[in-house]
Amino acid sequence: MKTKNAKKAFKYWSGNEPPEEIELIEGEYYQSPHFSLEYELFLKLKSNNRWFFEFVEYNKLEIDTINNDWSQWTTLPNWFKTDESYIIYAKDQNNEFDSSRYFINPESGICYIYESVGM
């Protein structure tokens, strides 16, 4: 499965239609045909911050204090551009095999999600 359509990418990733609280801006999703679940997701969205912070709490994400080179194993889309105004979250920042990162600019509500599973 592969798409560069933000709405399809969100649905492939979450299994649901996007909620009203978010506006999808960009997205890419690739799922390997391998029998185990292996995928890579890139999303850019605008949220009302509440949605993002509920997502952080639900998924038990923590602020990334290590700030390692999480993107060294992938090629980011041209539109995936964050800067120092973003707070970065991770599931397990000490796990060298989990490079998934979640970004929010609390001022603008712009969020980026990079999730890699089994890739």
N, C-alpha and C. Protein backbone atom coordinates (compact mmCIF):
# COMPACT_ATOMS: atom_id res chain seq x y z
N MET A 1 0.84 -1.16 0.00
CA MET A 1 0.00 0.00 0.00
C MET A 1 0.89 1.24 0.00
N LYS A 2 0.57 2.19 -0.84
CA LYS A 2 1.37 3.41 -0.92
C LYS A 2 0.47 4.55 -1.37
N THR A 3 0.61 5.71 -0.72
CA THR A 3 -0.15 6.88 -1.14
C THR A 3 0.58 8.16 -0.76
N LYS A 4 0.33 9.20 -1.53
CA LYS A 4 0.79 10.55 -1.20
C LYS A 4 -0.42 11.46 -0.96
N ASN A 5 -1.57 10.85 -0.72
CA ASN A 5 -2.80 11.56 -0.41
C ASN A 5 -2.92 11.60 1.12
N ALA A 6 -2.99 12.80 1.68
CA ALA A 6 -3.00 12.96 3.15
C ALA A 6 -4.17 12.24 3.81
N LYS A 7 -5.35 12.34 3.22
CA LYS A 7 -6.53 11.70 3.83
C LYS A 7 -6.40 10.17 3.81
N LYS A 8 -5.93 9.62 2.69
CA LYS A 8 -5.72 8.17 2.61
C LYS A 8 -4.62 7.73 3.56
N ALA A 9 -3.54 8.52 3.64
CA ALA A 9 -2.43 8.18 4.54
C ALA A 9 -2.93 8.11 5.98
N PHE A 10 -3.74 9.09 6.38
CA PHE A 10 -4.29 9.10 7.74
C PHE A 10 -5.15 7.87 7.97
N LYS A 11 -5.99 7.55 7.00
CA LYS A 11 -6.89 6.41 7.16
C LYS A 11 -6.13 5.08 7.19
N TYR A 12 -5.14 4.91 6.34
CA TYR A 12 -4.33 3.68 6.36
C TYR A 12 -3.64 3.53 7.71
N TRP A 13 -3.16 4.64 8.24
CA TRP A 13 -2.43 4.63 9.51
C TRP A 13 -3.35 4.38 10.70
N SER A 14 -4.47 5.11 10.76
CA SER A 14 -5.32 5.06 11.95
C SER A 14 -6.48 4.09 11.84
N GLY A 15 -6.86 3.78 10.60
CA GLY A 15 -8.04 2.94 10.40
C GLY A 15 -9.33 3.73 10.44
N ASN A 16 -9.25 5.04 10.59
CA ASN A 16 -10.43 5.91 10.72
C ASN A 16 -10.33 7.12 9.81
N GLU A 17 -11.46 7.76 9.61
CA GLU A 17 -11.47 9.05 8.93
C GLU A 17 -10.87 10.08 9.90
N PRO A 18 -10.26 11.14 9.37
CA PRO A 18 -9.70 12.15 10.28
C PRO A 18 -10.81 12.86 11.07
N PRO A 19 -10.57 13.13 12.33
CA PRO A 19 -11.58 13.84 13.13
C PRO A 19 -11.70 15.30 12.69
N GLU A 20 -12.79 15.93 13.07
CA GLU A 20 -13.03 17.33 12.70
C GLU A 20 -12.01 18.28 13.30
N GLU A 21 -11.36 17.86 14.38
CA GLU A 21 -10.41 18.73 15.08
C GLU A 21 -9.11 18.95 14.32
N ILE A 22 -8.89 18.20 13.26
CA ILE A 22 -7.65 18.37 12.52
C ILE A 22 -7.92 18.66 11.05
N GLU A 23 -6.97 19.39 10.48
CA GLU A 23 -6.99 19.68 9.04
C GLU A 23 -5.73 19.04 8.46
N LEU A 24 -5.92 18.07 7.60
CA LEU A 24 -4.78 17.41 6.97
C LEU A 24 -4.21 18.31 5.89
N ILE A 25 -2.89 18.47 5.87
CA ILE A 25 -2.23 19.34 4.91
C ILE A 25 -1.43 18.52 3.90
N GLU A 26 -0.62 17.61 4.40
CA GLU A 26 0.19 16.74 3.54
C GLU A 26 0.25 15.36 4.19
N GLY A 27 0.54 14.35 3.39
CA GLY A 27 0.69 13.02 3.94
C GLY A 27 1.26 12.04 2.95
N GLU A 28 2.00 11.09 3.47
CA GLU A 28 2.52 9.98 2.67
C GLU A 28 2.50 8.74 3.56
N TYR A 29 2.22 7.61 2.95
CA TYR A 29 2.17 6.34 3.69
C TYR A 29 2.66 5.24 2.77
N TYR A 30 3.51 4.38 3.32
CA TYR A 30 3.96 3.20 2.60
C TYR A 30 3.89 2.01 3.54
N GLN A 31 3.22 0.95 3.10
CA GLN A 31 3.15 -0.28 3.88
C GLN A 31 3.75 -1.40 3.05
N SER A 32 4.67 -2.11 3.64
CA SER A 32 5.34 -3.22 2.98
C SER A 32 4.36 -4.36 2.74
N PRO A 33 4.54 -5.11 1.66
CA PRO A 33 3.69 -6.28 1.42
C PRO A 33 4.06 -7.46 2.31
N HIS A 34 5.08 -7.29 3.15
CA HIS A 34 5.53 -8.35 4.06
C HIS A 34 4.39 -8.79 4.97
N PHE A 35 4.39 -10.02 5.42
CA PHE A 35 3.30 -10.55 6.24
C PHE A 35 3.18 -9.87 7.61
N SER A 36 4.29 -9.33 8.11
CA SER A 36 4.20 -8.59 9.37
C SER A 36 3.94 -7.12 9.05
N LEU A 37 3.39 -6.40 10.00
CA LEU A 37 3.04 -5.00 9.77
C LEU A 37 4.31 -4.15 9.74
N GLU A 38 4.61 -3.60 8.58
CA GLU A 38 5.75 -2.71 8.40
C GLU A 38 5.27 -1.51 7.60
N TYR A 39 5.40 -0.32 8.18
CA TYR A 39 4.95 0.87 7.46
C TYR A 39 5.77 2.08 7.86
N GLU A 40 5.65 3.11 7.01
CA GLU A 40 6.26 4.40 7.27
C GLU A 40 5.22 5.47 6.93
N LEU A 41 5.01 6.40 7.85
CA LEU A 41 4.00 7.44 7.71
C LEU A 41 4.63 8.81 7.90
N PHE A 42 4.24 9.74 7.05
CA PHE A 42 4.59 11.15 7.19
C PHE A 42 3.28 11.93 7.10
N LEU A 43 3.00 12.76 8.09
CA LEU A 43 1.79 13.60 8.07
C LEU A 43 2.14 15.02 8.48
N LYS A 44 1.48 15.96 7.84
CA LYS A 44 1.49 17.35 8.27
C LYS A 44 0.03 17.73 8.44
N LEU A 45 -0.28 18.26 9.61
CA LEU A 45 -1.67 18.62 9.89
C LEU A 45 -1.73 19.83 10.80
N LYS A 46 -2.90 20.40 10.86
CA LYS A 46 -3.13 21.50 11.80
C LYS A 46 -4.18 21.01 12.78
N SER A 47 -3.87 21.17 14.06
CA SER A 47 -4.81 20.71 15.08
C SER A 47 -5.16 21.86 16.02
N ASN A 48 -6.15 21.62 16.83
CA ASN A 48 -6.52 22.61 17.83
C ASN A 48 -5.71 22.41 19.11
N ASN A 49 -4.53 21.86 19.01
CA ASN A 49 -3.62 21.56 20.12
C ASN A 49 -4.22 20.54 21.10
N ARG A 50 -5.48 20.67 21.43
CA ARG A 50 -6.11 19.71 22.34
C ARG A 50 -6.02 18.30 21.76
N TRP A 51 -6.34 18.17 20.47
CA TRP A 51 -6.27 16.86 19.82
C TRP A 51 -4.87 16.29 19.94
N PHE A 52 -3.86 17.10 19.65
CA PHE A 52 -2.48 16.61 19.67
C PHE A 52 -2.09 16.19 21.08
N PHE A 53 -2.39 16.99 22.07
CA PHE A 53 -1.97 16.65 23.43
C PHE A 53 -2.76 15.46 24.00
N GLU A 54 -3.99 15.26 23.56
CA GLU A 54 -4.71 14.03 23.91
C GLU A 54 -4.05 12.82 23.23
N PHE A 55 -3.60 13.00 21.99
CA PHE A 55 -2.87 11.96 21.27
C PHE A 55 -1.59 11.61 22.02
N VAL A 56 -0.86 12.61 22.49
CA VAL A 56 0.37 12.42 23.26
C VAL A 56 0.08 11.62 24.52
N GLU A 57 -0.96 12.01 25.25
CA GLU A 57 -1.31 11.33 26.50
C GLU A 57 -1.75 9.89 26.23
N TYR A 58 -2.62 9.70 25.27
CA TYR A 58 -3.15 8.37 24.95
C TYR A 58 -2.03 7.41 24.56
N ASN A 59 -1.06 7.90 23.80
CA ASN A 59 0.04 7.06 23.32
C ASN A 59 1.25 7.06 24.23
N LYS A 60 1.12 7.72 25.39
CA LYS A 60 2.19 7.78 26.39
C LYS A 60 3.51 8.27 25.79
N LEU A 61 3.41 9.34 25.01
CA LEU A 61 4.59 9.93 24.41
C LEU A 61 5.28 10.83 25.43
N GLU A 62 6.58 10.98 25.26
CA GLU A 62 7.36 11.83 26.15
C GLU A 62 8.13 12.83 25.31
N ILE A 63 8.41 13.98 25.90
CA ILE A 63 9.23 14.97 25.18
C ILE A 63 10.60 14.36 24.91
N ASP A 64 11.05 14.52 23.69
CA ASP A 64 12.34 13.98 23.26
C ASP A 64 13.44 14.90 23.78
N THR A 65 14.12 14.45 24.82
CA THR A 65 15.20 15.24 25.41
C THR A 65 16.57 14.84 24.87
N ILE A 66 16.63 13.68 24.23
CA ILE A 66 17.90 13.21 23.68
C ILE A 66 18.19 13.90 22.36
N ASN A 67 17.12 14.11 21.56
CA ASN A 67 17.21 14.81 20.29
C ASN A 67 18.29 14.19 19.37
N ASN A 68 18.25 12.86 19.26
CA ASN A 68 19.19 12.18 18.39
C ASN A 68 18.79 12.37 16.93
N ASP A 69 19.58 11.83 16.04
CA ASP A 69 19.29 11.97 14.61
C ASP A 69 18.25 10.94 14.21
N TRP A 70 17.02 11.19 14.57
CA TRP A 70 15.92 10.27 14.34
C TRP A 70 15.66 10.04 12.85
N SER A 71 16.03 10.97 12.00
CA SER A 71 15.70 10.87 10.58
C SER A 71 16.81 10.25 9.73
N GLN A 72 17.84 9.73 10.36
CA GLN A 72 18.98 9.22 9.61
C GLN A 72 18.66 7.99 8.75
N TRP A 73 17.59 7.29 9.04
CA TRP A 73 17.28 6.05 8.31
C TRP A 73 16.17 6.23 7.27
N THR A 74 15.77 7.46 7.01
CA THR A 74 14.69 7.69 6.06
C THR A 74 14.98 8.93 5.23
N THR A 75 14.20 9.11 4.20
CA THR A 75 14.25 10.33 3.39
C THR A 75 12.95 11.09 3.64
N LEU A 76 13.06 12.24 4.22
CA LEU A 76 11.87 13.04 4.53
C LEU A 76 11.32 13.69 3.26
N PRO A 77 10.00 13.77 3.15
CA PRO A 77 9.42 14.51 2.03
C PRO A 77 9.85 15.98 2.10
N ASN A 78 9.87 16.66 0.96
CA ASN A 78 10.29 18.07 0.91
C ASN A 78 9.45 18.96 1.82
N TRP A 79 8.19 18.61 2.04
CA TRP A 79 7.30 19.44 2.85
C TRP A 79 7.44 19.19 4.36
N PHE A 80 8.20 18.20 4.75
CA PHE A 80 8.36 17.85 6.17
C PHE A 80 9.47 18.73 6.75
N LYS A 81 9.10 19.93 7.18
CA LYS A 81 10.09 20.92 7.64
C LYS A 81 9.72 21.42 9.03
N THR A 82 10.53 21.06 10.00
CA THR A 82 10.33 21.55 11.36
C THR A 82 11.51 22.47 11.71
N ASP A 83 11.36 23.19 12.79
CA ASP A 83 12.44 24.05 13.28
C ASP A 83 12.42 24.04 14.80
N GLU A 84 13.18 24.93 15.41
CA GLU A 84 13.31 24.93 16.87
C GLU A 84 12.03 25.35 17.60
N SER A 85 11.02 25.81 16.88
CA SER A 85 9.76 26.19 17.54
C SER A 85 8.86 24.98 17.82
N TYR A 86 9.27 23.81 17.37
CA TYR A 86 8.47 22.60 17.57
C TYR A 86 8.92 21.84 18.80
N ILE A 87 7.94 21.34 19.54
CA ILE A 87 8.21 20.41 20.64
C ILE A 87 8.19 19.02 20.02
N ILE A 88 9.19 18.21 20.33
CA ILE A 88 9.32 16.88 19.74
C ILE A 88 8.99 15.84 20.80
N TYR A 89 8.14 14.89 20.41
CA TYR A 89 7.76 13.79 21.30
C TYR A 89 8.21 12.47 20.68
N ALA A 90 8.42 11.48 21.54
CA ALA A 90 8.81 10.14 21.11
C ALA A 90 8.13 9.12 22.00
N LYS A 91 7.98 7.90 21.47
CA LYS A 91 7.43 6.81 22.28
C LYS A 91 8.49 6.32 23.25
N ASP A 92 9.66 6.04 22.73
CA ASP A 92 10.77 5.56 23.55
C ASP A 92 12.05 6.11 22.96
N GLN A 93 12.45 7.28 23.41
CA GLN A 93 13.61 7.94 22.82
C GLN A 93 14.92 7.19 23.04
N ASN A 94 14.93 6.24 23.97
CA ASN A 94 16.14 5.44 24.21
C ASN A 94 16.22 4.21 23.31
N ASN A 95 15.15 3.93 22.58
CA ASN A 95 15.12 2.77 21.69
C ASN A 95 15.69 3.17 20.34
N GLU A 96 16.89 2.70 20.05
CA GLU A 96 17.55 3.08 18.80
C GLU A 96 16.83 2.55 17.57
N PHE A 97 15.90 1.60 17.74
CA PHE A 97 15.17 1.04 16.62
C PHE A 97 13.82 1.70 16.39
N ASP A 98 13.43 2.63 17.27
CA ASP A 98 12.17 3.35 17.10
C ASP A 98 12.47 4.81 16.82
N SER A 99 12.42 5.18 15.54
CA SER A 99 12.73 6.56 15.16
C SER A 99 11.47 7.41 15.02
N SER A 100 10.30 6.87 15.37
CA SER A 100 9.05 7.63 15.26
C SER A 100 9.13 8.89 16.11
N ARG A 101 8.68 10.01 15.51
CA ARG A 101 8.68 11.29 16.22
C ARG A 101 7.40 12.04 15.89
N TYR A 102 6.97 12.87 16.85
CA TYR A 102 5.71 13.61 16.76
C TYR A 102 6.02 15.05 17.15
N PHE A 103 5.68 16.00 16.31
CA PHE A 103 6.07 17.40 16.47
C PHE A 103 4.84 18.29 16.56
N ILE A 104 4.93 19.31 17.40
CA ILE A 104 3.88 20.33 17.42
C ILE A 104 4.51 21.70 17.63
N ASN A 105 3.99 22.65 16.88
CA ASN A 105 4.28 24.05 17.12
C ASN A 105 3.05 24.58 17.86
N PRO A 106 3.14 24.78 19.17
CA PRO A 106 1.96 25.17 19.96
C PRO A 106 1.37 26.51 19.54
N GLU A 107 2.18 27.37 18.95
CA GLU A 107 1.69 28.69 18.51
C GLU A 107 0.79 28.57 17.29
N SER A 108 1.23 27.78 16.29
CA SER A 108 0.49 27.68 15.03
C SER A 108 -0.47 26.50 14.98
N GLY A 109 -0.24 25.50 15.84
CA GLY A 109 -1.05 24.30 15.79
C GLY A 109 -0.63 23.34 14.69
N ILE A 110 0.46 23.65 13.98
CA ILE A 110 0.95 22.75 12.93
C ILE A 110 1.68 21.58 13.59
N CYS A 111 1.33 20.39 13.14
CA CYS A 111 1.92 19.16 13.68
C CYS A 111 2.51 18.34 12.53
N TYR A 112 3.55 17.63 12.85
CA TYR A 112 4.13 16.65 11.93
C TYR A 112 4.18 15.33 12.66
N ILE A 113 3.88 14.28 11.94
CA ILE A 113 3.98 12.94 12.51
C ILE A 113 4.85 12.11 11.59
N TYR A 114 5.89 11.54 12.16
CA TYR A 114 6.70 10.55 11.44
C TYR A 114 6.62 9.27 12.24
N GLU A 115 6.09 8.24 11.65
CA GLU A 115 6.01 6.97 12.35
C GLU A 115 6.55 5.88 11.45
N SER A 116 7.43 5.09 12.02
CA SER A 116 8.03 3.98 11.30
C SER A 116 7.89 2.73 12.16
N VAL A 117 7.26 1.71 11.59
CA VAL A 117 7.07 0.46 12.32
C VAL A 117 7.66 -0.67 11.49
N GLY A 118 8.61 -1.36 12.05
CA GLY A 118 9.18 -2.54 11.40
C GLY A 118 10.00 -2.27 10.16
N MET A 119 10.24 -1.03 9.84
CA MET A 119 10.98 -0.70 8.62
C MET A 119 12.46 -0.60 8.91
